[in-house]
């Protein structure tokens, strides 16, 4: 099931944004500290394919994306929304 992003919220970390979704992405907390940690998780792998994404947190109805300090949010945010709209993580 694809997701719509209802809100993009700042976090205390300027290199992380919280993407609030219209459905549950997972029932259990999934944290990926680096791309290799995503293994064969389909949604995490696609999000890590976005240039600048360095870590992910998936929980309930949100995904928190952390970027490299030198990366810019503009293109990352748009690409994250596209991935979430086109894909879904297993429940």
C-alpha atoms as a PDB file:
ATOM      1  CA  UNK A   1       0.000   0.000   0.000  1.00  0.00           C
ATOM      2  CA  UNK A   2       1.435   3.382  -0.953  1.00  0.00           C
ATOM      3  CA  UNK A   3       1.574   6.126   1.658  1.00  0.00           C
ATOM      4  CA  UNK A   4       0.657   9.779   1.541  1.00  0.00           C
ATOM      5  CA  UNK A   5       2.835  12.102   3.586  1.00  0.00           C
ATOM      6  CA  UNK A   6       0.516  14.103   5.846  1.00  0.00           C
ATOM      7  CA  UNK A   7       3.233  16.240   7.401  1.00  0.00           C
ATOM      8  CA  UNK A   8       6.970  16.740   7.345  1.00  0.00           C
ATOM      9  CA  UNK A   9       8.086  17.743  10.831  1.00  0.00           C
ATOM     10  CA  UNK A  10      11.422  19.036  12.045  1.00  0.00           C
ATOM     11  CA  UNK A  11      13.243  17.192  14.804  1.00  0.00           C
ATOM     12  CA  UNK A  12      15.766  18.489  17.346  1.00  0.00           C
ATOM     13  CA  UNK A  13      18.442  17.259  14.921  1.00  0.00           C
ATOM     14  CA  UNK A  14      18.655  19.639  11.910  1.00  0.00           C
ATOM     15  CA  UNK A  15      19.843  16.685   9.807  1.00  0.00           C
ATOM     16  CA  UNK A  16      16.668  14.651  10.473  1.00  0.00           C
ATOM     17  CA  UNK A  17      13.047  15.087   9.366  1.00  0.00           C
ATOM     18  CA  UNK A  18       9.979  13.136  10.457  1.00  0.00           C
ATOM     19  CA  UNK A  19       7.579  12.137   7.660  1.00  0.00           C
ATOM     20  CA  UNK A  20       4.115  11.491   9.148  1.00  0.00           C
ATOM     21  CA  UNK A  21       2.097   9.074   7.003  1.00  0.00           C
ATOM     22  CA  UNK A  22      -1.553   8.241   6.443  1.00  0.00           C
ATOM     23  CA  UNK A  23      -1.035   4.624   7.546  1.00  0.00           C
ATOM     24  CA  UNK A  24       1.180   2.382   9.636  1.00  0.00           C
ATOM     25  CA  UNK A  25       4.535   1.682   8.045  1.00  0.00           C
ATOM     26  CA  UNK A  26       5.378  -0.903  10.732  1.00  0.00           C
ATOM     27  CA  UNK A  27       4.114  -2.120  14.085  1.00  0.00           C
ATOM     28  CA  UNK A  28       7.626  -2.586  15.484  1.00  0.00           C
ATOM     29  CA  UNK A  29      10.407  -0.019  15.659  1.00  0.00           C
ATOM     30  CA  UNK A  30      12.878  -0.517  12.821  1.00  0.00           C
ATOM     31  CA  UNK A  31      16.105   1.454  12.985  1.00  0.00           C
ATOM     32  CA  UNK A  32      18.735   1.406  10.247  1.00  0.00           C
ATOM     33  CA  UNK A  33      21.972   3.177  11.212  1.00  0.00           C
ATOM     34  CA  UNK A  34      23.491   2.822   7.737  1.00  0.00           C
ATOM     35  CA  UNK A  35      22.555   1.464   4.291  1.00  0.00           C
ATOM     36  CA  UNK A  36      24.029  -1.995   4.889  1.00  0.00           C
ATOM     37  CA  UNK A  37      21.730  -2.408   7.909  1.00  0.00           C
ATOM     38  CA  UNK A  38      18.698  -2.257   5.606  1.00  0.00           C
ATOM     39  CA  UNK A  39      19.553  -5.686   4.206  1.00  0.00           C
ATOM     40  CA  UNK A  40      16.630  -6.825   2.095  1.00  0.00           C
ATOM     41  CA  UNK A  41      14.040  -4.470   3.635  1.00  0.00           C
ATOM     42  CA  UNK A  42      12.387  -3.098   0.467  1.00  0.00           C
ATOM     43  CA  UNK A  43      11.343   0.335   1.712  1.00  0.00           C
ATOM     44  CA  UNK A  44      14.540   1.055   3.647  1.00  0.00           C
ATOM     45  CA  UNK A  45      16.651  -0.007   0.663  1.00  0.00           C
ATOM     46  CA  UNK A  46      14.787   2.388  -1.631  1.00  0.00           C
ATOM     47  CA  UNK A  47      15.088   5.249   0.842  1.00  0.00           C
ATOM     48  CA  UNK A  48      18.825   4.627   1.240  1.00  0.00           C
ATOM     49  CA  UNK A  49      19.162   4.799  -2.551  1.00  0.00           C
ATOM     50  CA  UNK A  50      18.403   8.526  -2.232  1.00  0.00           C
ATOM     51  CA  UNK A  51      21.677  10.428  -2.301  1.00  0.00           C
ATOM     52  CA  UNK A  52      22.406  11.961   1.104  1.00  0.00           C
ATOM     53  CA  UNK A  53      20.250   9.623   3.259  1.00  0.00           C
ATOM     54  CA  UNK A  54      22.414   8.157   6.044  1.00  0.00           C
ATOM     55  CA  UNK A  55      19.979   6.594   8.555  1.00  0.00           C
ATOM     56  CA  UNK A  56      16.307   5.739   9.004  1.00  0.00           C
ATOM     57  CA  UNK A  57      13.783   5.094  11.760  1.00  0.00           C
ATOM     58  CA  UNK A  58      10.437   3.487  10.926  1.00  0.00           C
ATOM     59  CA  UNK A  59       7.764   3.327  13.619  1.00  0.00           C
ATOM     60  CA  UNK A  60       3.973   3.289  13.621  1.00  0.00           C
ATOM     61  CA  UNK A  61       2.850   5.958  11.159  1.00  0.00           C
ATOM     62  CA  UNK A  62       6.100   7.782  10.521  1.00  0.00           C
ATOM     63  CA  UNK A  63       9.542   7.541   8.977  1.00  0.00           C
ATOM     64  CA  UNK A  64      12.415   9.660  10.274  1.00  0.00           C
ATOM     65  CA  UNK A  65      15.079  10.261   7.667  1.00  0.00           C
ATOM     66  CA  UNK A  66      18.550  11.511   8.585  1.00  0.00           C
ATOM     67  CA  UNK A  67      20.773  13.094   5.967  1.00  0.00           C
ATOM     68  CA  UNK A  68      24.477  13.750   5.669  1.00  0.00           C
ATOM     69  CA  UNK A  69      25.335  17.205   7.043  1.00  0.00           C
ATOM     70  CA  UNK A  70      26.443  18.492   3.629  1.00  0.00           C
ATOM     71  CA  UNK A  71      23.287  17.254   1.843  1.00  0.00           C
ATOM     72  CA  UNK A  72      20.381  19.633   1.159  1.00  0.00           C
ATOM     73  CA  UNK A  73      16.813  18.807   2.210  1.00  0.00           C
ATOM     74  CA  UNK A  74      15.127  20.123  -0.965  1.00  0.00           C
ATOM     75  CA  UNK A  75      15.737  17.203  -3.287  1.00  0.00           C
ATOM     76  CA  UNK A  76      15.851  14.611  -0.485  1.00  0.00           C
ATOM     77  CA  UNK A  77      12.389  15.547   0.800  1.00  0.00           C
ATOM     78  CA  UNK A  78      10.811  15.314  -2.649  1.00  0.00           C
ATOM     79  CA  UNK A  79      12.449  11.953  -3.344  1.00  0.00           C
ATOM     80  CA  UNK A  80      11.406  10.512   0.034  1.00  0.00           C
ATOM     81  CA  UNK A  81       7.794  11.512  -0.679  1.00  0.00           C
ATOM     82  CA  UNK A  82       7.973   9.822  -4.103  1.00  0.00           C
ATOM     83  CA  UNK A  83       9.372   6.594  -2.640  1.00  0.00           C
ATOM     84  CA  UNK A  84       6.712   6.522   0.082  1.00  0.00           C
ATOM     85  CA  UNK A  85       3.937   7.187  -2.437  1.00  0.00           C
ATOM     86  CA  UNK A  86       5.127   4.356  -4.687  1.00  0.00           C
ATOM     87  CA  UNK A  87       6.018   1.718  -2.140  1.00  0.00           C
ATOM     88  CA  UNK A  88       5.195   0.229   1.219  1.00  0.00           C
ATOM     89  CA  UNK A  89       7.085  -1.705   3.821  1.00  0.00           C
ATOM     90  CA  UNK A  90       5.899  -5.147   4.858  1.00  0.00           C
ATOM     91  CA  UNK A  91       3.716  -5.024   7.953  1.00  0.00           C
END
